[in-house]
Amino acid sequence: MPASSSFDIRRVIRPNILKLEPYRCARDDYSEGILLDANENSYGPAFQAEIGKTASDREEQRISTGADGLSLHRYPDPLGREVKQRVLKLRPSIPSTDNVFLGVGSDEVIDMLVRITCVPGKDAILITPPTYGMYKVVASVNDVDVVKVPLIVEDGAFQLDVDAVIRVAVSNPSIKIIWLCSPGNPTGTYLREEDVRRVLDSQFEGIVVMDEAYVDFVRPERGDSYARLVPEYPGLFVMQTMSKSFGLAGIRLGVGIGSSELVSYLNNAKAPYNVSTLSLNVAMSALSDEGLQKMKYVMDNLRTQRDEYLIPELRRLPHVSAILGGNDANFVLCRFADSNGKTSNEIAKNIYTEMAQNRGLVVRYRGSDYGCEGCLRITVGTPEENKVVISTLRSLLEAIP
């Protein structure tokens, strides 16, 4: 019988969170009528934003409320219910809005998960390097230990060492969270479903978090979101974001998908109005039928640029020894070598510095990450930007003896 059948989230949540009586804000109770309960400024904001509103939207609002634009003098919906309804359209396998949590970017979601599960100075998280650096930062801020089980990096595979992950996690009861990144950052690799299921079916009693910031860049035939497994595994929590495929990094909106019980603990512990009206309004537009259609169109174009132009052109360049990872994200992990074929951090770092300081072209040096020696991470840009990347790299690499 899978461990998930007997999973009890209360064994993972900190005792003080279980007993927490959440702050009850004004908008938890009423959001319509003459609102004189929250000490808001009833005269309205000093300026009126019209972000995300069409002319017909604005006219309808004027008729129904007598107000122009957004009601920025009022607090936002503390749970972002309308946005969550639209998230269900994007991920139809999610049972209910009760399974969705909204945070100020994925980074707040990461922090909240650690804060509600890990006792400072006692508990730990497990990460699989190379991976997203914020897991370690958040652990340090919260005085939580970090246990590392590296990915299998040979030949640029960047897949889970499943046996090691399970062995370490099950044998160490202080580990409350396993962080998995799929597609990985900086690896760009979509994790195999059989490996993910083995971890979920193990005797680990904590939460398995799947960070899917880049999942929309995966070609459909390669895989899709593991949010579809949430109804099956109450110990699984999936993180997504509006920053990448929707191109909305500036609104800072992260999405968490998990059991309704786990989401309720996150809601109890978060700040009352953590996501702003402006962010919620823009997200509503992005998650509309028109917005989703545009996102999918952009994804198709970006994947084409990645697979049919950027990767083939990078492979033709001198001193490029390999393109690592699964190439399932909106970036490419490119390895450089010297004239003898030896992987070279020096070449990678010199190219990175020269391009950033003198060529107006900024990529990311990743040579210090485990399994990424001699690597630059290059984001897939517009067709014009990708051509600049290739031409600039060619001129610099051809000058190396």
Protein backbone atom coordinates (compact mmCIF):
# COMPACT_ATOMS: atom_id res chain seq x y z
CA MET A 1 0.00 0.00 0.00
CA PRO A 2 1.49 3.39 -0.96
CA ALA A 3 2.60 5.59 1.90
CA SER A 4 0.28 8.30 0.57
CA SER A 5 -2.78 6.32 1.67
CA SER A 6 -1.88 6.89 5.34
CA PHE A 7 -0.34 10.35 4.98
CA ASP A 8 -1.23 12.71 7.83
CA ILE A 9 -0.33 16.34 7.18
CA ARG A 10 -0.64 17.12 10.89
CA ARG A 11 2.54 15.15 11.55
CA VAL A 12 4.42 17.63 9.36
CA ILE A 13 2.91 20.96 10.42
CA ARG A 14 4.52 22.71 13.40
CA PRO A 15 2.42 22.42 16.59
CA ASN A 16 2.13 26.21 16.94
CA ILE A 17 0.70 26.42 13.42
CA LEU A 18 -1.82 23.69 14.19
CA LYS A 19 -3.02 25.77 17.15
CA LEU A 20 -2.80 29.10 15.33
CA GLU A 21 -5.92 31.22 15.37
CA PRO A 22 -5.51 33.15 12.11
CA TYR A 23 -5.94 36.89 11.88
CA ARG A 24 -9.40 37.63 10.56
CA CYS A 25 -9.37 40.62 8.26
CA ALA A 26 -12.31 42.79 7.23
CA ARG A 27 -12.65 41.35 3.74
CA ASP A 28 -12.97 37.81 5.08
CA ASP A 29 -16.52 38.73 6.08
CA TYR A 30 -17.97 41.34 3.70
CA SER A 31 -16.78 42.94 0.47
CA GLU A 32 -19.85 44.81 -0.81
CA GLY A 33 -21.96 47.71 0.38
CA ILE A 34 -20.92 50.85 2.25
CA LEU A 35 -17.65 49.58 3.69
CA LEU A 36 -16.72 51.42 6.87
CA ASP A 37 -15.11 48.50 8.69
CA ALA A 38 -11.43 48.49 7.65
CA ASN A 39 -10.34 52.12 8.10
CA GLU A 40 -9.88 52.53 4.36
CA ASN A 41 -9.94 55.95 2.70
CA SER A 42 -13.49 56.21 1.39
CA TYR A 43 -12.57 59.19 -0.83
CA GLY A 44 -10.52 56.90 -3.03
CA PRO A 45 -6.87 56.82 -4.13
CA ALA A 46 -4.82 59.85 -5.13
CA PHE A 47 -4.70 58.47 -8.69
CA GLN A 48 -6.73 55.87 -10.51
CA ALA A 49 -5.09 52.87 -12.16
CA GLU A 50 -6.66 51.29 -15.22
CA ILE A 51 -4.31 48.34 -15.52
CA GLY A 52 -5.72 45.26 -17.17
CA LYS A 53 -9.07 46.92 -17.96
CA THR A 54 -10.59 47.19 -21.42
CA ALA A 55 -12.81 50.14 -22.32
CA SER A 56 -15.91 47.95 -21.94
CA ASP A 57 -14.66 46.71 -18.54
CA ARG A 58 -14.26 50.29 -17.34
CA GLU A 59 -17.68 51.35 -18.64
CA GLU A 60 -19.35 48.37 -16.97
CA GLN A 61 -17.65 49.21 -13.70
CA ARG A 62 -18.72 52.87 -13.93
CA ILE A 63 -22.34 51.80 -14.44
CA SER A 64 -22.38 49.18 -11.68
CA THR A 65 -20.35 50.97 -9.01
CA GLY A 66 -20.07 54.57 -10.09
CA ALA A 67 -16.29 54.23 -9.84
CA ASP A 68 -13.54 54.43 -12.42
CA GLY A 69 -10.84 51.75 -12.75
CA LEU A 70 -9.69 49.67 -9.81
CA SER A 71 -10.87 50.20 -6.25
CA LEU A 72 -7.37 50.73 -4.94
CA HIS A 73 -8.64 52.42 -1.79
CA ARG A 74 -10.12 49.06 -0.75
CA TYR A 75 -8.17 46.05 0.47
CA PRO A 76 -7.95 43.16 -2.01
CA ASP A 77 -9.67 39.83 -1.62
CA PRO A 78 -7.39 38.14 0.95
CA LEU A 79 -7.70 34.79 -0.82
CA GLY A 80 -7.77 35.97 -4.47
CA ARG A 81 -10.79 33.76 -5.14
CA GLU A 82 -11.49 34.96 -8.70
CA VAL A 83 -7.87 34.35 -9.74
CA LYS A 84 -8.02 30.88 -8.21
CA GLN A 85 -11.13 30.11 -10.27
CA ARG A 86 -9.17 30.92 -13.40
CA VAL A 87 -6.21 28.82 -12.24
CA LEU A 88 -8.62 25.86 -12.30
CA LYS A 89 -9.15 26.47 -16.02
CA LEU A 90 -5.40 26.39 -16.58
CA ARG A 91 -4.95 23.21 -14.50
CA PRO A 92 -8.27 21.33 -14.82
CA SER A 93 -7.09 18.42 -12.68
CA ILE A 94 -7.21 20.62 -9.54
CA PRO A 95 -10.37 19.73 -7.60
CA SER A 96 -11.22 23.11 -6.07
CA THR A 97 -10.04 26.63 -5.30
CA ASP A 98 -9.48 25.25 -1.79
CA ASN A 99 -6.46 23.46 -3.29
CA VAL A 100 -4.85 26.72 -4.51
CA PHE A 101 -2.64 29.12 -2.58
CA LEU A 102 -1.48 32.52 -3.89
CA GLY A 103 1.77 34.10 -2.76
CA VAL A 104 3.97 37.08 -3.53
CA GLY A 105 6.00 35.20 -6.09
CA SER A 106 7.14 31.61 -5.61
CA ASP A 107 9.69 32.87 -3.10
CA GLU A 108 6.96 33.70 -0.57
CA VAL A 109 5.42 30.27 -1.13
CA ILE A 110 8.82 28.66 -0.45
CA ASP A 111 9.22 30.68 2.72
CA MET A 112 5.70 29.93 3.95
CA LEU A 113 6.15 26.18 3.45
CA VAL A 114 9.34 26.19 5.52
CA ARG A 115 7.84 28.39 8.23
CA ILE A 116 4.76 26.22 8.81
CA THR A 117 6.62 22.88 8.82
CA CYS A 118 10.18 23.31 10.10
CA VAL A 119 11.04 24.08 13.73
CA PRO A 120 14.04 26.49 13.73
CA GLY A 121 17.25 24.90 14.98
CA LYS A 122 15.72 21.42 14.82
CA ASP A 123 14.28 20.46 11.45
CA ALA A 124 15.72 20.20 7.94
CA ILE A 125 14.88 20.25 4.24
CA LEU A 126 16.30 18.06 1.47
CA ILE A 127 17.46 19.54 -1.84
CA THR A 128 18.91 17.96 -4.99
CA PRO A 129 21.80 20.09 -6.34
CA PRO A 130 22.18 21.70 -8.77
CA THR A 131 18.91 23.45 -8.03
CA TYR A 132 17.22 26.78 -7.30
CA GLY A 133 19.24 28.75 -4.76
CA MET A 134 16.31 30.18 -2.77
CA TYR A 135 15.65 26.87 -1.02
CA LYS A 136 18.97 27.24 0.83
CA VAL A 137 18.49 30.96 1.45
CA VAL A 138 15.05 30.47 2.99
CA ALA A 139 16.36 27.60 5.11
CA SER A 140 19.18 29.80 6.41
CA VAL A 141 16.83 32.66 7.23
CA ASN A 142 14.60 30.27 9.18
CA ASP A 143 17.52 28.48 10.91
CA VAL A 144 16.73 25.18 9.19
CA ASP A 145 19.35 22.61 8.14
CA VAL A 146 19.86 21.67 4.48
CA VAL A 147 20.52 18.05 3.48
CA LYS A 148 21.87 17.58 -0.05
CA VAL A 149 21.33 14.59 -2.31
CA PRO A 150 22.84 15.57 -5.68
CA LEU A 151 21.17 14.81 -8.98
CA ILE A 152 22.73 12.26 -11.30
CA VAL A 153 24.78 14.63 -13.45
CA GLU A 154 26.74 12.25 -15.69
CA ASP A 155 26.29 13.04 -19.39
CA GLY A 156 24.14 16.02 -18.43
CA ALA A 157 21.27 13.81 -17.27
CA PHE A 158 20.30 15.87 -14.19
CA GLN A 159 17.78 13.26 -13.01
CA LEU A 160 16.95 12.16 -9.46
CA ASP A 161 19.10 9.67 -7.60
CA VAL A 162 15.85 8.14 -6.39
CA ASP A 163 17.29 5.46 -4.12
CA ALA A 164 19.51 7.99 -2.35
CA VAL A 165 16.71 10.55 -1.95
CA ILE A 166 14.38 7.97 -0.40
CA ARG A 167 17.08 6.46 1.83
CA VAL A 168 18.19 9.81 3.23
CA ALA A 169 14.68 11.24 3.64
CA VAL A 170 13.20 8.18 5.33
CA SER A 171 16.16 7.69 7.68
CA ASN A 172 16.19 11.31 8.87
CA PRO A 173 12.95 12.25 10.68
CA SER A 174 14.04 15.89 10.96
CA ILE A 175 13.55 16.32 7.19
CA LYS A 176 10.13 17.87 6.66
CA ILE A 177 10.33 18.87 2.97
CA ILE A 178 11.88 17.35 -0.14
CA TRP A 179 12.35 20.04 -2.80
CA LEU A 180 12.20 18.80 -6.40
CA CYS A 181 12.52 21.16 -9.35
CA SER A 182 10.97 20.12 -12.68
CA PRO A 183 12.08 21.41 -15.10
CA GLY A 184 15.12 22.13 -13.00
CA ASN A 185 16.96 25.41 -12.59
CA PRO A 186 19.70 25.57 -13.86
CA THR A 187 19.34 22.11 -15.41
CA GLY A 188 16.28 22.63 -17.62
CA THR A 189 15.36 18.97 -17.12
CA TYR A 190 11.84 17.58 -16.64
CA LEU A 191 11.92 14.89 -13.95
CA ARG A 192 10.70 11.43 -14.92
CA GLU A 193 7.26 10.53 -13.61
CA GLU A 194 8.31 7.06 -12.48
CA ASP A 195 11.00 8.66 -10.28
CA VAL A 196 8.62 11.23 -8.84
CA ARG A 197 6.05 8.54 -8.05
CA ARG A 198 8.67 6.39 -6.32
CA VAL A 199 9.48 9.28 -3.97
CA LEU A 200 5.78 9.93 -3.34
CA ASP A 201 5.10 6.23 -2.74
CA SER A 202 7.98 5.90 -0.27
CA GLN A 203 7.67 5.90 3.52
CA PHE A 204 8.73 9.55 3.74
CA GLU A 205 6.26 11.32 6.05
CA GLY A 206 6.97 14.91 5.04
CA ILE A 207 5.92 17.06 2.10
CA VAL A 208 7.29 16.61 -1.41
CA VAL A 209 7.34 19.99 -3.16
CA MET A 210 7.52 20.08 -6.95
CA ASP A 211 8.71 23.47 -8.19
CA GLU A 212 7.28 23.90 -11.69
CA ALA A 213 8.19 27.48 -12.54
CA TYR A 214 9.16 26.36 -16.07
CA VAL A 215 6.60 23.61 -16.71
CA ASP A 216 4.80 25.42 -19.55
CA PHE A 217 7.99 25.35 -21.62
CA VAL A 218 7.97 21.53 -21.75
CA ARG A 219 6.83 20.12 -25.07
CA PRO A 220 3.46 18.36 -24.46
CA GLU A 221 4.78 15.02 -25.70
CA ARG A 222 7.56 15.19 -23.07
CA GLY A 223 5.30 15.76 -20.07
CA ASP A 224 3.04 18.17 -18.26
CA SER A 225 2.31 19.54 -14.80
CA TYR A 226 2.44 17.20 -11.81
CA ALA A 227 -0.51 19.14 -10.40
CA ARG A 228 -2.56 16.25 -11.84
CA LEU A 229 -1.09 14.03 -9.08
CA VAL A 230 -2.25 16.25 -6.20
CA PRO A 231 -5.64 14.49 -5.80
CA GLU A 232 -3.75 11.19 -5.62
CA TYR A 233 -0.99 12.25 -3.20
CA PRO A 234 -1.92 14.46 -0.21
CA GLY A 235 1.79 14.88 0.58
CA LEU A 236 2.51 16.53 -2.79
CA PHE A 237 2.60 20.29 -3.18
CA VAL A 238 3.17 21.86 -6.62
CA MET A 239 4.49 25.40 -7.10
CA GLN A 240 3.97 27.46 -10.26
CA THR A 241 4.37 31.13 -11.14
CA MET A 242 3.09 33.92 -13.36
CA SER A 243 6.67 35.12 -13.90
CA LYS A 244 7.83 32.82 -16.70
CA SER A 245 5.37 31.55 -19.30
CA PHE A 246 2.96 34.45 -18.66
CA GLY A 247 5.78 37.02 -18.78
CA LEU A 248 4.59 38.71 -15.56
CA ALA A 249 7.67 38.68 -13.33
CA GLY A 250 6.87 42.23 -12.24
CA ILE A 251 3.53 41.43 -10.59
CA ARG A 252 5.12 38.89 -8.20
CA LEU A 253 2.45 36.18 -8.13
CA GLY A 254 3.23 32.60 -7.21
CA VAL A 255 0.74 29.72 -7.19
CA GLY A 256 0.77 26.73 -4.88
CA ILE A 257 -1.34 23.61 -5.47
CA GLY A 258 -1.86 20.99 -2.78
CA SER A 259 -4.31 19.35 -0.42
CA SER A 260 -7.00 21.65 0.93
CA GLU A 261 -5.73 21.01 4.47
CA LEU A 262 -2.18 22.09 3.67
CA VAL A 263 -3.47 25.15 1.79
CA SER A 264 -5.59 26.08 4.80
CA TYR A 265 -2.51 26.12 7.05
CA LEU A 266 -0.70 28.35 4.55
CA ASN A 267 -3.68 30.71 4.44
CA ASN A 268 -3.81 30.83 8.24
CA ALA A 269 -0.15 31.83 8.51
CA LYS A 270 0.21 34.27 5.60
CA ALA A 271 -0.13 38.05 5.83
CA PRO A 272 -3.83 39.06 5.57
CA TYR A 273 -3.59 40.86 2.19
CA ASN A 274 -0.36 39.43 0.80
CA VAL A 275 -1.24 39.77 -2.93
CA SER A 276 -2.12 43.27 -4.15
CA THR A 277 -5.19 44.33 -6.11
CA LEU A 278 -2.95 45.31 -9.02
CA SER A 279 -1.36 41.85 -9.15
CA LEU A 280 -4.70 40.09 -8.90
CA ASN A 281 -6.18 42.29 -11.63
CA VAL A 282 -3.33 41.63 -14.06
CA ALA A 283 -3.47 37.91 -13.28
CA MET A 284 -7.18 37.87 -14.08
CA SER A 285 -6.45 39.26 -17.54
CA ALA A 286 -3.57 36.84 -18.11
CA LEU A 287 -5.72 33.86 -17.10
CA SER A 288 -8.66 34.85 -19.30
CA ASP A 289 -9.40 32.81 -22.42
CA GLU A 290 -7.62 35.44 -24.50
CA GLY A 291 -4.65 35.52 -22.14
CA LEU A 292 -4.26 31.74 -22.09
CA GLN A 293 -4.43 31.63 -25.88
CA LYS A 294 -1.67 34.22 -26.12
CA MET A 295 0.48 32.39 -23.56
CA LYS A 296 0.22 29.14 -25.49
CA TYR A 297 1.05 30.92 -28.74
CA VAL A 298 4.16 32.45 -27.18
CA MET A 299 5.16 29.05 -25.74
CA ASP A 300 5.00 27.45 -29.18
CA ASN A 301 7.17 30.17 -30.65
CA LEU A 302 9.67 30.10 -27.81
CA ARG A 303 10.06 26.31 -27.96
CA THR A 304 10.63 26.57 -31.71
CA GLN A 305 13.33 29.20 -31.19
CA ARG A 306 14.94 27.05 -28.49
CA ASP A 307 14.88 23.73 -30.36
CA GLU A 308 15.25 24.76 -33.98
CA TYR A 309 17.54 27.78 -33.77
CA LEU A 310 19.35 28.48 -30.50
CA ILE A 311 20.46 24.95 -29.60
CA PRO A 312 21.59 23.94 -33.14
CA GLU A 313 23.47 27.23 -33.58
CA LEU A 314 25.18 26.93 -30.19
CA ARG A 315 26.35 23.42 -31.07
CA ARG A 316 28.04 24.78 -34.21
CA LEU A 317 30.19 27.24 -32.27
CA PRO A 318 33.85 26.54 -31.49
CA HIS A 319 34.64 25.70 -27.85
CA VAL A 320 31.03 24.68 -27.14
CA SER A 321 31.49 21.12 -25.92
CA ALA A 322 27.94 20.25 -24.87
CA ILE A 323 24.37 21.40 -24.35
CA LEU A 324 23.43 19.89 -21.00
CA GLY A 325 20.12 18.90 -19.44
CA GLY A 326 16.77 18.11 -20.98
CA ASN A 327 16.20 21.54 -22.56
CA ASP A 328 12.67 21.60 -21.20
CA ALA A 329 12.73 25.21 -19.94
CA ASN A 330 13.15 28.69 -21.46
CA PHE A 331 16.92 28.56 -21.22
CA VAL A 332 19.84 26.49 -22.44
CA LEU A 333 22.75 25.26 -20.29
CA CYS A 334 25.82 25.51 -22.50
CA ARG A 335 29.27 24.05 -21.60
CA PHE A 336 32.56 25.43 -22.91
CA ALA A 337 35.93 23.73 -23.34
CA ASP A 338 39.47 24.74 -24.28
CA SER A 339 41.25 23.74 -27.47
CA ASN A 340 42.18 20.38 -25.89
CA GLY A 341 38.55 19.60 -25.14
CA LYS A 342 38.90 20.18 -21.40
CA THR A 343 35.92 21.81 -19.70
CA SER A 344 36.86 25.40 -18.88
CA ASN A 345 35.35 27.64 -16.21
CA GLU A 346 37.84 30.29 -17.29
CA ILE A 347 36.45 30.51 -20.82
CA ALA A 348 32.86 30.54 -19.58
CA LYS A 349 33.54 33.24 -17.02
CA ASN A 350 35.57 35.41 -19.40
CA ILE A 351 32.83 35.25 -22.02
CA TYR A 352 30.18 36.08 -19.44
CA THR A 353 32.15 39.08 -18.15
CA GLU A 354 33.06 40.43 -21.57
CA MET A 355 29.52 40.23 -22.87
CA ALA A 356 28.01 41.83 -19.76
CA GLN A 357 30.55 44.62 -19.34
CA ASN A 358 31.38 45.50 -22.94
CA ARG A 359 28.77 44.00 -25.29
CA GLY A 360 25.51 44.85 -23.54
CA LEU A 361 24.54 41.18 -23.43
CA VAL A 362 23.90 39.49 -20.08
CA VAL A 363 23.64 35.74 -19.55
CA ARG A 364 24.21 33.76 -16.32
CA TYR A 365 27.46 32.11 -15.23
CA ARG A 366 26.74 28.74 -13.59
CA GLY A 367 30.20 27.18 -13.50
CA SER A 368 30.22 27.11 -9.68
CA ASP A 369 27.11 24.89 -9.46
CA TYR A 370 27.45 21.15 -8.93
CA GLY A 371 27.68 19.36 -12.28
CA CYS A 372 27.74 22.64 -14.22
CA GLU A 373 31.46 23.31 -14.59
CA GLY A 374 32.26 25.50 -17.61
CA CYS A 375 28.60 26.43 -18.10
CA LEU A 376 26.62 29.50 -19.01
CA ARG A 377 22.84 29.56 -18.73
CA ILE A 378 21.36 31.41 -21.69
CA THR A 379 17.71 32.45 -21.64
CA VAL A 380 15.81 31.98 -24.90
CA GLY A 381 15.02 35.49 -26.12
CA THR A 382 13.20 36.90 -29.12
CA PRO A 383 14.45 35.82 -32.57
CA GLU A 384 16.41 39.08 -32.83
CA GLU A 385 17.96 38.63 -29.37
CA ASN A 386 18.90 35.03 -30.11
CA LYS A 387 20.72 36.10 -33.27
CA VAL A 388 22.70 38.65 -31.25
CA VAL A 389 23.66 35.93 -28.74
CA ILE A 390 24.96 33.63 -31.46
CA SER A 391 26.83 36.31 -33.40
CA THR A 392 28.43 37.72 -30.23
CA LEU A 393 29.47 34.30 -28.96
CA ARG A 394 30.86 33.37 -32.37
CA SER A 395 33.05 36.48 -32.53
CA LEU A 396 34.40 35.89 -29.01
CA LEU A 397 34.93 32.12 -29.33
CA GLU A 398 36.62 32.30 -32.72
CA ALA A 399 39.21 34.61 -31.17
CA ILE A 400 40.23 31.97 -28.62
CA PRO A 401 43.30 29.99 -29.73
